[in-house]
Amino acid sequence: MTSSQQWAALARQWLALSSRQAARAMREREQEAARRRREWRPDASWRGTRADGDAAAELERVRWATEPETAAGPTEEEIEAAREALAREVALARARERARREREGRPGGDPAAHEPRGQ
């Protein structure tokens, strides 16, 4: 079998070298046969898509490894809880300051708030 393939290749080479027209016709025939093989092959589409998918996955791995990690910010619930805690702390600090002043005998804040009512 190998010898017949070698003889055929030798004959094609001799024919291509001896005639430009024959060489051009052989090239056109080979191109047409290759085109028909590509069109006939139903699974030919997977070849490019698999390579594209592999390249995209590799790009994502590289991007993940080289980009800095983004810090996750607080959620809306966490922000609201922090605001409420801050408001409680401020109110508690004001109440402590007011109580300290009253213990020392100096009423703080609004003087009308400390006057007895109903007089």
PDB file of N, CA and C in Angstrom:
ATOM      1  N   MET A   1       0.833  -1.194   0.000  1.00  0.00           N
ATOM      2  CA  MET A   1       0.000   0.000   0.000  1.00  0.00           C
ATOM      3  C   MET A   1       0.870   1.247   0.000  1.00  0.00           C
ATOM      4  N   THR A   2       1.912   1.219   0.795  1.00  0.00           N
ATOM      5  CA  THR A   2       2.789   2.380   0.874  1.00  0.00           C
ATOM      6  C   THR A   2       3.441   2.655  -0.470  1.00  0.00           C
ATOM      7  N   SER A   3       3.842   1.621  -1.144  1.00  0.00           N
ATOM      8  CA  SER A   3       4.493   1.835  -2.437  1.00  0.00           C
ATOM      9  C   SER A   3       3.522   2.427  -3.453  1.00  0.00           C
ATOM     10  N   SER A   4       2.249   2.042  -3.415  1.00  0.00           N
ATOM     11  CA  SER A   4       1.278   2.617  -4.356  1.00  0.00           C
ATOM     12  C   SER A   4       1.040   4.095  -4.035  1.00  0.00           C
ATOM     13  N   GLN A   5       1.032   4.448  -2.747  1.00  0.00           N
ATOM     14  CA  GLN A   5       0.865   5.857  -2.377  1.00  0.00           C
ATOM     15  C   GLN A   5       2.096   6.662  -2.797  1.00  0.00           C
ATOM     16  N   GLN A   6       3.258   6.064  -2.660  1.00  0.00           N
ATOM     17  CA  GLN A   6       4.479   6.748  -3.075  1.00  0.00           C
ATOM     18  C   GLN A   6       4.503   6.948  -4.586  1.00  0.00           C
ATOM     19  N   TRP A   7       4.080   5.918  -5.353  1.00  0.00           N
ATOM     20  CA  TRP A   7       4.027   6.039  -6.812  1.00  0.00           C
ATOM     21  C   TRP A   7       3.024   7.104  -7.221  1.00  0.00           C
ATOM     22  N   ALA A   8       1.889   7.164  -6.548  1.00  0.00           N
ATOM     23  CA  ALA A   8       0.882   8.176  -6.881  1.00  0.00           C
ATOM     24  C   ALA A   8       1.411   9.575  -6.581  1.00  0.00           C
ATOM     25  N   ALA A   9       2.101   9.744  -5.459  1.00  0.00           N
ATOM     26  CA  ALA A   9       2.674  11.044  -5.115  1.00  0.00           C
ATOM     27  C   ALA A   9       3.745  11.440  -6.126  1.00  0.00           C
ATOM     28  N   LEU A  10       4.553  10.476  -6.550  1.00  0.00           N
ATOM     29  CA  LEU A  10       5.582  10.750  -7.547  1.00  0.00           C
ATOM     30  C   LEU A  10       4.957  11.149  -8.881  1.00  0.00           C
ATOM     31  N   ALA A  11       3.885  10.472  -9.267  1.00  0.00           N
ATOM     32  CA  ALA A  11       3.202  10.800 -10.530  1.00  0.00           C
ATOM     33  C   ALA A  11       2.599  12.201 -10.455  1.00  0.00           C
ATOM     34  N   ARG A  12       1.984  12.545  -9.320  1.00  0.00           N
ATOM     35  CA  ARG A  12       1.403  13.890  -9.163  1.00  0.00           C
ATOM     36  C   ARG A  12       2.496  14.957  -9.228  1.00  0.00           C
ATOM     37  N   GLN A  13       3.618  14.677  -8.575  1.00  0.00           N
ATOM     38  CA  GLN A  13       4.718  15.633  -8.584  1.00  0.00           C
ATOM     39  C   GLN A  13       5.262  15.819 -10.005  1.00  0.00           C
ATOM     40  N   TRP A  14       5.440  14.725 -10.733  1.00  0.00           N
ATOM     41  CA  TRP A  14       5.947  14.809 -12.105  1.00  0.00           C
ATOM     42  C   TRP A  14       4.975  15.576 -12.985  1.00  0.00           C
ATOM     43  N   LEU A  15       3.668  15.284 -12.827  1.00  0.00           N
ATOM     44  CA  LEU A  15       2.653  15.962 -13.631  1.00  0.00           C
ATOM     45  C   LEU A  15       2.622  17.454 -13.306  1.00  0.00           C
ATOM     46  N   ALA A  16       2.730  17.807 -12.021  1.00  0.00           N
ATOM     47  CA  ALA A  16       2.702  19.212 -11.627  1.00  0.00           C
ATOM     48  C   ALA A  16       3.928  19.953 -12.153  1.00  0.00           C
ATOM     49  N   LEU A  17       5.076  19.293 -12.163  1.00  0.00           N
ATOM     50  CA  LEU A  17       6.289  19.944 -12.646  1.00  0.00           C
ATOM     51  C   LEU A  17       6.313  20.062 -14.167  1.00  0.00           C
ATOM     52  N   SER A  18       5.677  19.142 -14.854  1.00  0.00           N
ATOM     53  CA  SER A  18       5.730  19.144 -16.315  1.00  0.00           C
ATOM     54  C   SER A  18       4.715  20.092 -16.939  1.00  0.00           C
ATOM     55  N   SER A  19       3.623  20.422 -16.234  1.00  0.00           N
ATOM     56  CA  SER A  19       2.591  21.267 -16.836  1.00  0.00           C
ATOM     57  C   SER A  19       1.996  22.206 -15.779  1.00  0.00           C
ATOM     58  N   ARG A  20       2.014  23.509 -16.090  1.00  0.00           N
ATOM     59  CA  ARG A  20       1.404  24.481 -15.175  1.00  0.00           C
ATOM     60  C   ARG A  20      -0.100  24.291 -15.098  1.00  0.00           C
ATOM     61  N   GLN A  21      -0.695  23.983 -16.235  1.00  0.00           N
ATOM     62  CA  GLN A  21      -2.154  23.780 -16.256  1.00  0.00           C
ATOM     63  C   GLN A  21      -2.538  22.579 -15.400  1.00  0.00           C
ATOM     64  N   ALA A  22      -1.776  21.517 -15.496  1.00  0.00           N
ATOM     65  CA  ALA A  22      -2.063  20.324 -14.700  1.00  0.00           C
ATOM     66  C   ALA A  22      -1.873  20.627 -13.211  1.00  0.00           C
ATOM     67  N   ALA A  23      -0.833  21.400 -12.871  1.00  0.00           N
ATOM     68  CA  ALA A  23      -0.588  21.757 -11.470  1.00  0.00           C
ATOM     69  C   ALA A  23      -1.744  22.587 -10.923  1.00  0.00           C
ATOM     70  N   ARG A  24      -2.212  23.566 -11.720  1.00  0.00           N
ATOM     71  CA  ARG A  24      -3.329  24.401 -11.294  1.00  0.00           C
ATOM     72  C   ARG A  24      -4.592  23.560 -11.136  1.00  0.00           C
ATOM     73  N   ALA A  25      -4.854  22.660 -12.079  1.00  0.00           N
ATOM     74  CA  ALA A  25      -6.037  21.798 -12.004  1.00  0.00           C
ATOM     75  C   ALA A  25      -5.962  20.889 -10.773  1.00  0.00           C
ATOM     76  N   MET A  26      -4.767  20.376 -10.458  1.00  0.00           N
ATOM     77  CA  MET A  26      -4.624  19.509  -9.287  1.00  0.00           C
ATOM     78  C   MET A  26      -4.872  20.299  -7.993  1.00  0.00           C
ATOM     79  N   ARG A  27      -4.343  21.523  -7.923  1.00  0.00           N
ATOM     80  CA  ARG A  27      -4.580  22.353  -6.734  1.00  0.00           C
ATOM     81  C   ARG A  27      -6.059  22.649  -6.560  1.00  0.00           C
ATOM     82  N   GLU A  28      -6.727  23.009  -7.664  1.00  0.00           N
ATOM     83  CA  GLU A  28      -8.163  23.300  -7.592  1.00  0.00           C
ATOM     84  C   GLU A  28      -8.947  22.076  -7.141  1.00  0.00           C
ATOM     85  N   ARG A  29      -8.565  20.916  -7.670  1.00  0.00           N
ATOM     86  CA  ARG A  29      -9.239  19.673  -7.268  1.00  0.00           C
ATOM     87  C   ARG A  29      -9.050  19.380  -5.783  1.00  0.00           C
ATOM     88  N   GLU A  30      -7.817  19.571  -5.290  1.00  0.00           N
ATOM     89  CA  GLU A  30      -7.543  19.325  -3.874  1.00  0.00           C
ATOM     90  C   GLU A  30      -8.308  20.305  -2.988  1.00  0.00           C
ATOM     91  N   GLN A  31      -8.378  21.559  -3.417  1.00  0.00           N
ATOM     92  CA  GLN A  31      -9.120  22.554  -2.637  1.00  0.00           C
ATOM     93  C   GLN A  31     -10.612  22.240  -2.618  1.00  0.00           C
ATOM     94  N   GLU A  32     -11.126  21.821  -3.771  1.00  0.00           N
ATOM     95  CA  GLU A  32     -12.549  21.460  -3.841  1.00  0.00           C
ATOM     96  C   GLU A  32     -12.846  20.238  -2.974  1.00  0.00           C
ATOM     97  N   ALA A  33     -11.970  19.254  -3.010  1.00  0.00           N
ATOM     98  CA  ALA A  33     -12.167  18.060  -2.180  1.00  0.00           C
ATOM     99  C   ALA A  33     -12.112  18.423  -0.695  1.00  0.00           C
ATOM    100  N   ALA A  34     -11.199  19.298  -0.320  1.00  0.00           N
ATOM    101  CA  ALA A  34     -11.107  19.724   1.082  1.00  0.00           C
ATOM    102  C   ALA A  34     -12.363  20.486   1.493  1.00  0.00           C
ATOM    103  N   ARG A  35     -12.875  21.340   0.604  1.00  0.00           N
ATOM    104  CA  ARG A  35     -14.102  22.084   0.901  1.00  0.00           C
ATOM    105  C   ARG A  35     -15.273  21.134   1.094  1.00  0.00           C
ATOM    106  N   ARG A  36     -15.383  20.135   0.220  1.00  0.00           N
ATOM    107  CA  ARG A  36     -16.471  19.154   0.355  1.00  0.00           C
ATOM    108  C   ARG A  36     -16.353  18.369   1.655  1.00  0.00           C
ATOM    109  N   ARG A  37     -15.130  18.015   2.034  1.00  0.00           N
ATOM    110  CA  ARG A  37     -14.942  17.294   3.301  1.00  0.00           C
ATOM    111  C   ARG A  37     -15.373  18.149   4.487  1.00  0.00           C
ATOM    112  N   ARG A  38     -15.038  19.428   4.457  1.00  0.00           N
ATOM    113  CA  ARG A  38     -15.434  20.321   5.558  1.00  0.00           C
ATOM    114  C   ARG A  38     -16.945  20.474   5.625  1.00  0.00           C
ATOM    115  N   GLU A  39     -17.581  20.614   4.463  1.00  0.00           N
ATOM    116  CA  GLU A  39     -19.040  20.770   4.441  1.00  0.00           C
ATOM    117  C   GLU A  39     -19.738  19.488   4.857  1.00  0.00           C
ATOM    118  N   TRP A  40     -19.190  18.356   4.495  1.00  0.00           N
ATOM    119  CA  TRP A  40     -19.831  17.074   4.776  1.00  0.00           C
ATOM    120  C   TRP A  40     -19.747  16.728   6.253  1.00  0.00           C
ATOM    121  N   ARG A  41     -18.665  17.126   6.917  1.00  0.00           N
ATOM    122  CA  ARG A  41     -18.426  16.739   8.302  1.00  0.00           C
ATOM    123  C   ARG A  41     -19.419  17.443   9.229  1.00  0.00           C
ATOM    124  N   PRO A  42     -20.378  16.711   9.802  1.00  0.00           N
ATOM    125  CA  PRO A  42     -21.384  17.366  10.643  1.00  0.00           C
ATOM    126  C   PRO A  42     -20.834  17.835  11.987  1.00  0.00           C
ATOM    127  N   ASP A  43     -19.768  17.220  12.475  1.00  0.00           N
ATOM    128  CA  ASP A  43     -19.237  17.590  13.783  1.00  0.00           C
ATOM    129  C   ASP A  43     -18.102  18.601  13.687  1.00  0.00           C
ATOM    130  N   ALA A  44     -17.942  19.236  12.543  1.00  0.00           N
ATOM    131  CA  ALA A  44     -16.838  20.167  12.361  1.00  0.00           C
ATOM    132  C   ALA A  44     -17.012  21.423  13.202  1.00  0.00           C
ATOM    133  N   SER A  45     -18.241  21.758  13.560  1.00  0.00           N
ATOM    134  CA  SER A  45     -18.464  23.002  14.292  1.00  0.00           C
ATOM    135  C   SER A  45     -17.906  22.948  15.708  1.00  0.00           C
ATOM    136  N   TRP A  46     -17.810  21.775  16.287  1.00  0.00           N
ATOM    137  CA  TRP A  46     -17.336  21.699  17.675  1.00  0.00           C
ATOM    138  C   TRP A  46     -15.867  22.032  17.811  1.00  0.00           C
ATOM    139  N   ARG A  47     -15.120  21.878  16.725  1.00  0.00           N
ATOM    140  CA  ARG A  47     -13.675  22.089  16.824  1.00  0.00           C
ATOM    141  C   ARG A  47     -13.341  23.516  17.247  1.00  0.00           C
ATOM    142  N   GLY A  48     -13.917  24.477  16.590  1.00  0.00           N
ATOM    143  CA  GLY A  48     -13.626  25.870  16.931  1.00  0.00           C
ATOM    144  C   GLY A  48     -14.251  26.292  18.240  1.00  0.00           C
ATOM    145  N   THR A  49     -15.453  25.822  18.517  1.00  0.00           N
ATOM    146  CA  THR A  49     -16.122  26.255  19.741  1.00  0.00           C
ATOM    147  C   THR A  49     -15.423  25.704  20.975  1.00  0.00           C
ATOM    148  N   ARG A  50     -14.912  24.508  20.895  1.00  0.00           N
ATOM    149  CA  ARG A  50     -14.202  23.962  22.054  1.00  0.00           C
ATOM    150  C   ARG A  50     -12.930  24.757  22.322  1.00  0.00           C
ATOM    151  N   ALA A  51     -12.214  25.082  21.265  1.00  0.00           N
ATOM    152  CA  ALA A  51     -10.993  25.873  21.431  1.00  0.00           C
ATOM    153  C   ALA A  51     -11.329  27.261  21.965  1.00  0.00           C
ATOM    154  N   ASP A  52     -12.416  27.860  21.469  1.00  0.00           N
ATOM    155  CA  ASP A  52     -12.827  29.171  21.963  1.00  0.00           C
ATOM    156  C   ASP A  52     -13.206  29.100  23.434  1.00  0.00           C
ATOM    157  N   GLY A  53     -13.924  28.060  23.816  1.00  0.00           N
ATOM    158  CA  GLY A  53     -14.316  27.895  25.217  1.00  0.00           C
ATOM    159  C   GLY A  53     -13.117  27.697  26.123  1.00  0.00           C
ATOM    160  N   ASP A  54     -12.155  26.903  25.659  1.00  0.00           N
ATOM    161  CA  ASP A  54     -10.937  26.688  26.449  1.00  0.00           C
ATOM    162  C   ASP A  54     -10.165  27.994  26.618  1.00  0.00           C
ATOM    163  N   ALA A  55     -10.080  28.770  25.544  1.00  0.00           N
ATOM    164  CA  ALA A  55      -9.360  30.045  25.618  1.00  0.00           C
ATOM    165  C   ALA A  55     -10.071  31.016  26.556  1.00  0.00           C
ATOM    166  N   ALA A  56     -11.395  31.063  26.500  1.00  0.00           N
ATOM    167  CA  ALA A  56     -12.151  31.955  27.386  1.00  0.00           C
ATOM    168  C   ALA A  56     -11.994  31.540  28.841  1.00  0.00           C
ATOM    169  N   ALA A  57     -12.021  30.238  29.100  1.00  0.00           N
ATOM    170  CA  ALA A  57     -11.845  29.756  30.476  1.00  0.00           C
ATOM    171  C   ALA A  57     -10.447  30.095  30.989  1.00  0.00           C
ATOM    172  N   GLU A  58      -9.452  29.927  30.146  1.00  0.00           N
ATOM    173  CA  GLU A  58      -8.080  30.261  30.554  1.00  0.00           C
ATOM    174  C   GLU A  58      -7.948  31.755  30.826  1.00  0.00           C
ATOM    175  N   LEU A  59      -8.590  32.571  30.000  1.00  0.00           N
ATOM    176  CA  LEU A  59      -8.563  34.018  30.206  1.00  0.00           C
ATOM    177  C   LEU A  59      -9.208  34.389  31.533  1.00  0.00           C
ATOM    178  N   GLU A  60     -10.319  33.748  31.880  1.00  0.00           N
ATOM    179  CA  GLU A  60     -10.968  34.015  33.164  1.00  0.00           C
ATOM    180  C   GLU A  60     -10.068  33.613  34.326  1.00  0.00           C
ATOM    181  N   ARG A  61      -9.369  32.480  34.196  1.00  0.00           N
ATOM    182  CA  ARG A  61      -8.454  32.062  35.262  1.00  0.00           C
ATOM    183  C   ARG A  61      -7.329  33.077  35.431  1.00  0.00           C
ATOM    184  N   VAL A  62      -6.793  33.551  34.321  1.00  0.00           N
ATOM    185  CA  VAL A  62      -5.715  34.536  34.390  1.00  0.00           C
ATOM    186  C   VAL A  62      -6.242  35.835  34.971  1.00  0.00           C
ATOM    187  N   ARG A  63      -7.411  36.268  34.527  1.00  0.00           N
ATOM    188  CA  ARG A  63      -7.997  37.512  35.022  1.00  0.00           C
ATOM    189  C   ARG A  63      -8.259  37.403  36.520  1.00  0.00           C
ATOM    190  N   TRP A  64      -8.779  36.261  36.970  1.00  0.00           N
ATOM    191  CA  TRP A  64      -9.058  36.068  38.390  1.00  0.00           C
ATOM    192  C   TRP A  64      -7.774  36.120  39.202  1.00  0.00           C
ATOM    193  N   ALA A  65      -6.703  35.558  38.660  1.00  0.00           N
ATOM    194  CA  ALA A  65      -5.449  35.494  39.398  1.00  0.00           C
ATOM    195  C   ALA A  65      -4.726  36.835  39.431  1.00  0.00           C
ATOM    196  N   THR A  66      -4.935  37.698  38.443  1.00  0.00           N
ATOM    197  CA  THR A  66      -4.175  38.941  38.368  1.00  0.00           C
ATOM    198  C   THR A  66      -4.927  40.148  38.893  1.00  0.00           C
ATOM    199  N   GLU A  67      -6.249  40.117  38.901  1.00  0.00           N
ATOM    200  CA  GLU A  67      -6.996  41.279  39.374  1.00  0.00           C
ATOM    201  C   GLU A  67      -7.052  41.286  40.894  1.00  0.00           C
ATOM    202  N   PRO A  68      -7.010  42.477  41.490  1.00  0.00           N
ATOM    203  CA  PRO A  68      -7.112  42.527  42.952  1.00  0.00           C
ATOM    204  C   PRO A  68      -8.502  42.103  43.404  1.00  0.00           C
ATOM    205  N   GLU A  69      -8.539  41.520  44.586  1.00  0.00           N
ATOM    206  CA  GLU A  69      -9.817  41.047  45.107  1.00  0.00           C
ATOM    207  C   GLU A  69     -10.634  42.251  45.554  1.00  0.00           C
ATOM    208  N   THR A  70     -11.865  42.300  45.116  1.00  0.00           N
ATOM    209  CA  THR A  70     -12.725  43.412  45.501  1.00  0.00           C
ATOM    210  C   THR A  70     -13.342  43.109  46.857  1.00  0.00           C
ATOM    211  N   ALA A  71     -13.292  44.102  47.726  1.00  0.00           N
ATOM    212  CA  ALA A  71     -13.875  43.923  49.058  1.00  0.00           C
ATOM    213  C   ALA A  71     -15.387  44.067  48.946  1.00  0.00           C
ATOM    214  N   ALA A  72     -16.079  43.145  49.553  1.00  0.00           N
ATOM    215  CA  ALA A  72     -17.537  43.196  49.516  1.00  0.00           C
ATOM    216  C   ALA A  72     -17.998  44.302  50.451  1.00  0.00           C
ATOM    217  N   GLY A  73     -18.825  45.197  49.936  1.00  0.00           N
ATOM    218  CA  GLY A  73     -19.335  46.295  50.739  1.00  0.00           C
ATOM    219  C   GLY A  73     -20.485  45.847  51.612  1.00  0.00           C
ATOM    220  N   PRO A  74     -20.861  46.690  52.559  1.00  0.00           N
ATOM    221  CA  PRO A  74     -21.978  46.328  53.439  1.00  0.00           C
ATOM    222  C   PRO A  74     -23.301  46.351  52.674  1.00  0.00           C
ATOM    223  N   THR A  75     -24.210  45.524  53.122  1.00  0.00           N
ATOM    224  CA  THR A  75     -25.528  45.483  52.497  1.00  0.00           C
ATOM    225  C   THR A  75     -26.376  46.619  53.052  1.00  0.00           C
ATOM    226  N   GLU A  76     -27.525  46.838  52.444  1.00  0.00           N
ATOM    227  CA  GLU A  76     -28.429  47.891  52.912  1.00  0.00           C
ATOM    228  C   GLU A  76     -28.865  47.633  54.352  1.00  0.00           C
ATOM    229  N   GLU A  77     -29.114  46.377  54.692  1.00  0.00           N
ATOM    230  CA  GLU A  77     -29.531  46.037  56.054  1.00  0.00           C
ATOM    231  C   GLU A  77     -28.422  46.349  57.051  1.00  0.00           C
ATOM    232  N   GLU A  78     -27.177  46.043  56.675  1.00  0.00           N
ATOM    233  CA  GLU A  78     -26.056  46.324  57.568  1.00  0.00           C
ATOM    234  C   GLU A  78     -25.865  47.822  57.766  1.00  0.00           C
ATOM    235  N   ILE A  79     -26.040  48.590  56.707  1.00  0.00           N
ATOM    236  CA  ILE A  79     -25.923  50.047  56.811  1.00  0.00           C
ATOM    237  C   ILE A  79     -27.004  50.596  57.730  1.00  0.00           C
ATOM    238  N   GLU A  80     -28.239  50.139  57.547  1.00  0.00           N
ATOM    239  CA  GLU A  80     -29.347  50.599  58.384  1.00  0.00           C
ATOM    240  C   GLU A  80     -29.128  50.210  59.848  1.00  0.00           C
ATOM    241  N   ALA A  81     -28.659  48.991  60.097  1.00  0.00           N
ATOM    242  CA  ALA A  81     -28.387  48.553  61.470  1.00  0.00           C
ATOM    243  C   ALA A  81     -27.284  49.401  62.097  1.00  0.00           C
ATOM    244  N   ALA A  82     -26.262  49.751  61.331  1.00  0.00           N
ATOM    245  CA  ALA A  82     -25.181  50.593  61.848  1.00  0.00           C
ATOM    246  C   ALA A  82     -25.696  51.987  62.179  1.00  0.00           C
ATOM    247  N   ARG A  83     -26.574  52.533  61.339  1.00  0.00           N
ATOM    248  CA  ARG A  83     -27.153  53.857  61.623  1.00  0.00           C
ATOM    249  C   ARG A  83     -27.977  53.825  62.907  1.00  0.00           C
ATOM    250  N   GLU A  84     -28.780  52.782  63.065  1.00  0.00           N
ATOM    251  CA  GLU A  84     -29.595  52.660  64.279  1.00  0.00           C
ATOM    252  C   GLU A  84     -28.710  52.516  65.513  1.00  0.00           C
ATOM    253  N   ALA A  85     -27.646  51.722  65.412  1.00  0.00           N
ATOM    254  CA  ALA A  85     -26.730  51.554  66.547  1.00  0.00           C
ATOM    255  C   ALA A  85     -26.044  52.872  66.883  1.00  0.00           C
ATOM    256  N   LEU A  86     -25.652  53.634  65.863  1.00  0.00           N
ATOM    257  CA  LEU A  86     -25.029  54.935  66.090  1.00  0.00           C
ATOM    258  C   LEU A  86     -26.008  55.888  66.764  1.00  0.00           C
ATOM    259  N   ALA A  87     -27.250  55.905  66.300  1.00  0.00           N
ATOM    260  CA  ALA A  87     -28.262  56.773  66.915  1.00  0.00           C
ATOM    261  C   ALA A  87     -28.482  56.386  68.374  1.00  0.00           C
ATOM    262  N   ARG A  88     -28.524  55.087  68.676  1.00  0.00           N
ATOM    263  CA  ARG A  88     -28.680  54.648  70.069  1.00  0.00           C
ATOM    264  C   ARG A  88     -27.490  55.081  70.919  1.00  0.00           C
ATOM    265  N   GLU A  89     -26.283  54.926  70.387  1.00  0.00           N
ATOM    266  CA  GLU A  89     -25.082  55.324  71.130  1.00  0.00           C
ATOM    267  C   GLU A  89     -25.067  56.825  71.391  1.00  0.00           C
ATOM    268  N   VAL A  90     -25.452  57.629  70.396  1.00  0.00           N
ATOM    269  CA  VAL A  90     -25.488  59.085  70.571  1.00  0.00           C
ATOM    270  C   VAL A  90     -26.527  59.454  71.619  1.00  0.00           C
ATOM    271  N   ALA A  91     -27.710  58.863  71.545  1.00  0.00           N
ATOM    272  CA  ALA A  91     -28.762  59.155  72.526  1.00  0.00           C
ATOM    273  C   ALA A  91     -28.317  58.736  73.925  1.00  0.00           C
ATOM    274  N   LEU A  92     -27.669  57.588  74.038  1.00  0.00           N
ATOM    275  CA  LEU A  92     -27.188  57.119  75.333  1.00  0.00           C
ATOM    276  C   LEU A  92     -26.103  58.047  75.881  1.00  0.00           C
ATOM    277  N   ALA A  93     -25.191  58.497  75.023  1.00  0.00           N
ATOM    278  CA  ALA A  93     -24.134  59.419  75.458  1.00  0.00           C
ATOM    279  C   ALA A  93     -24.737  60.740  75.923  1.00  0.00           C
ATOM    280  N   ARG A  94     -25.738  61.248  75.206  1.00  0.00           N
ATOM    281  CA  ARG A  94     -26.406  62.489  75.627  1.00  0.00           C
ATOM    282  C   ARG A  94     -27.108  62.305  76.965  1.00  0.00           C
ATOM    283  N   ALA A  95     -27.773  61.174  77.135  1.00  0.00           N
ATOM    284  CA  ALA A  95     -28.473  60.916  78.401  1.00  0.00           C
ATOM    285  C   ALA A  95     -27.476  60.810  79.549  1.00  0.00           C
ATOM    286  N   ARG A  96     -26.340  60.177  79.334  1.00  0.00           N
ATOM    287  CA  ARG A  96     -25.326  60.079  80.382  1.00  0.00           C
ATOM    288  C   ARG A  96     -24.775  61.461  80.747  1.00  0.00           C
ATOM    289  N   GLU A  97     -24.516  62.255  79.718  1.00  0.00           N
ATOM    290  CA  GLU A  97     -24.015  63.613  79.971  1.00  0.00           C
ATOM    291  C   GLU A  97     -25.039  64.433  80.748  1.00  0.00           C
ATOM    292  N   ARG A  98     -26.290  64.333  80.376  1.00  0.00           N
ATOM    293  CA  ARG A  98     -27.359  65.058  81.064  1.00  0.00           C
ATOM    294  C   ARG A  98     -27.462  64.592  82.520  1.00  0.00           C
ATOM    295  N   ALA A  99     -27.392  63.284  82.750  1.00  0.00           N
ATOM    296  CA  ALA A  99     -27.469  62.752  84.110  1.00  0.00           C
ATOM    297  C   ALA A  99     -26.265  63.195  84.938  1.00  0.00           C
ATOM    298  N   ARG A 100     -25.090  63.230  84.342  1.00  0.00           N
ATOM    299  CA  ARG A 100     -23.896  63.669  85.057  1.00  0.00           C
ATOM    300  C   ARG A 100     -24.017  65.127  85.472  1.00  0.00           C
ATOM    301  N   ARG A 101     -24.516  65.973  84.573  1.00  0.00           N
ATOM    302  CA  ARG A 101     -24.697  67.387  84.898  1.00  0.00           C
ATOM    303  C   ARG A 101     -25.712  67.572  86.022  1.00  0.00           C
ATOM    304  N   GLU A 102     -26.785  66.798  85.948  1.00  0.00           N
ATOM    305  CA  GLU A 102     -27.817  66.925  86.983  1.00  0.00           C
ATOM    306  C   GLU A 102     -27.287  66.466  88.336  1.00  0.00           C
ATOM    307  N   ARG A 103     -26.446  65.457  88.371  1.00  0.00           N
ATOM    308  CA  ARG A 103     -25.858  65.000  89.632  1.00  0.00           C
ATOM    309  C   ARG A 103     -24.936  66.057  90.217  1.00  0.00           C
ATOM    310  N   GLU A 104     -24.263  66.766  89.364  1.00  0.00           N
ATOM    311  CA  GLU A 104     -23.344  67.805  89.817  1.00  0.00           C
ATOM    312  C   GLU A 104     -24.087  69.084  90.179  1.00  0.00           C
ATOM    313  N   GLY A 105     -25.380  69.139  89.921  1.00  0.00           N
ATOM    314  CA  GLY A 105     -26.176  70.302  90.259  1.00  0.00           C
ATOM    315  C   GLY A 105     -26.234  71.350  89.176  1.00  0.00           C
ATOM    316  N   ARG A 106     -25.754  71.045  88.014  1.00  0.00           N
ATOM    317  CA  ARG A 106     -25.832  72.008  86.917  1.00  0.00           C
ATOM    318  C   ARG A 106     -26.783  71.469  85.878  1.00  0.00           C
ATOM    319  N   PRO A 107     -27.943  71.981  85.785  1.00  0.00           N
ATOM    320  CA  PRO A 107     -28.841  71.502  84.737  1.00  0.00           C
ATOM    321  C   PRO A 107     -28.283  71.888  83.380  1.00  0.00           C
ATOM    322  N   GLY A 108     -28.292  70.952  82.461  1.00  0.00           N
ATOM    323  CA  GLY A 108     -27.760  71.222  81.134  1.00  0.00           C
ATOM    324  C   GLY A 108     -28.867  71.324  80.116  1.00  0.00           C
ATOM    325  N   GLY A 109     -28.524  71.864  79.002  1.00  0.00           N
ATOM    326  CA  GLY A 109     -29.490  71.936  77.916  1.00  0.00           C
ATOM    327  C   GLY A 109     -30.474  73.067  78.105  1.00  0.00           C
ATOM    328  N   ASP A 110     -31.730  72.833  77.797  1.00  0.00           N
ATOM    329  CA  ASP A 110     -32.789  73.832  77.814  1.00  0.00           C
ATOM    330  C   ASP A 110     -33.225  74.076  79.261  1.00  0.00           C
ATOM    331  N   PRO A 111     -33.124  75.315  79.776  1.00  0.00           N
ATOM    332  CA  PRO A 111     -33.545  75.568  81.151  1.00  0.00           C
ATOM    333  C   PRO A 111     -35.042  75.398  81.333  1.00  0.00           C
ATOM    334  N   ALA A 112     -35.832  75.612  80.315  1.00  0.00           N
ATOM    335  CA  ALA A 112     -37.286  75.464  80.434  1.00  0.00           C
ATOM    336  C   ALA A 112     -37.664  74.004  80.609  1.00  0.00           C
ATOM    337  N   ALA A 113     -36.836  73.113  80.180  1.00  0.00           N
ATOM    338  CA  ALA A 113     -37.137  71.693  80.301  1.00  0.00           C
ATOM    339  C   ALA A 113     -37.020  71.228  81.738  1.00  0.00           C
ATOM    340  N   HIS A 114     -36.296  71.969  82.592  1.00  0.00           N
ATOM    341  CA  HIS A 114     -36.080  71.544  83.966  1.00  0.00           C
ATOM    342  C   HIS A 114     -36.973  72.270  84.963  1.00  0.00           C
ATOM    343  N   GLU A 115     -37.772  73.220  84.497  1.00  0.00           N
ATOM    344  CA  GLU A 115     -38.681  73.937  85.398  1.00  0.00           C
ATOM    345  C   GLU A 115     -39.891  73.079  85.676  1.00  0.00           C
ATOM    346  N   PRO A 116     -40.409  73.155  86.885  1.00  0.00           N
ATOM    347  CA  PRO A 116     -41.619  72.389  87.179  1.00  0.00           C
ATOM    348  C   PRO A 116     -42.774  72.878  86.340  1.00  0.00           C
ATOM    349  N   ARG A 117     -43.597  71.982  85.916  1.00  0.00           N
ATOM    350  CA  ARG A 117     -44.705  72.328  85.034  1.00  0.00           C
ATOM    351  C   ARG A 117     -45.971  72.543  85.846  1.00  0.00           C
ATOM    352  N   GLY A 118     -46.867  73.266  85.246  1.00  0.00           N
ATOM    353  CA  GLY A 118     -48.175  73.479  85.845  1.00  0.00           C
ATOM    354  C   GLY A 118     -48.183  74.613  86.845  1.00  0.00           C
ATOM    355  N   GLN A 119     -47.188  75.425  86.933  1.00  0.00           N
ATOM    356  CA  GLN A 119     -47.193  76.545  87.874  1.00  0.00           C
ATOM    357  C   GLN A 119     -47.604  77.806  87.207  1.00  0.00           C
TER     358      GLN A 119
END
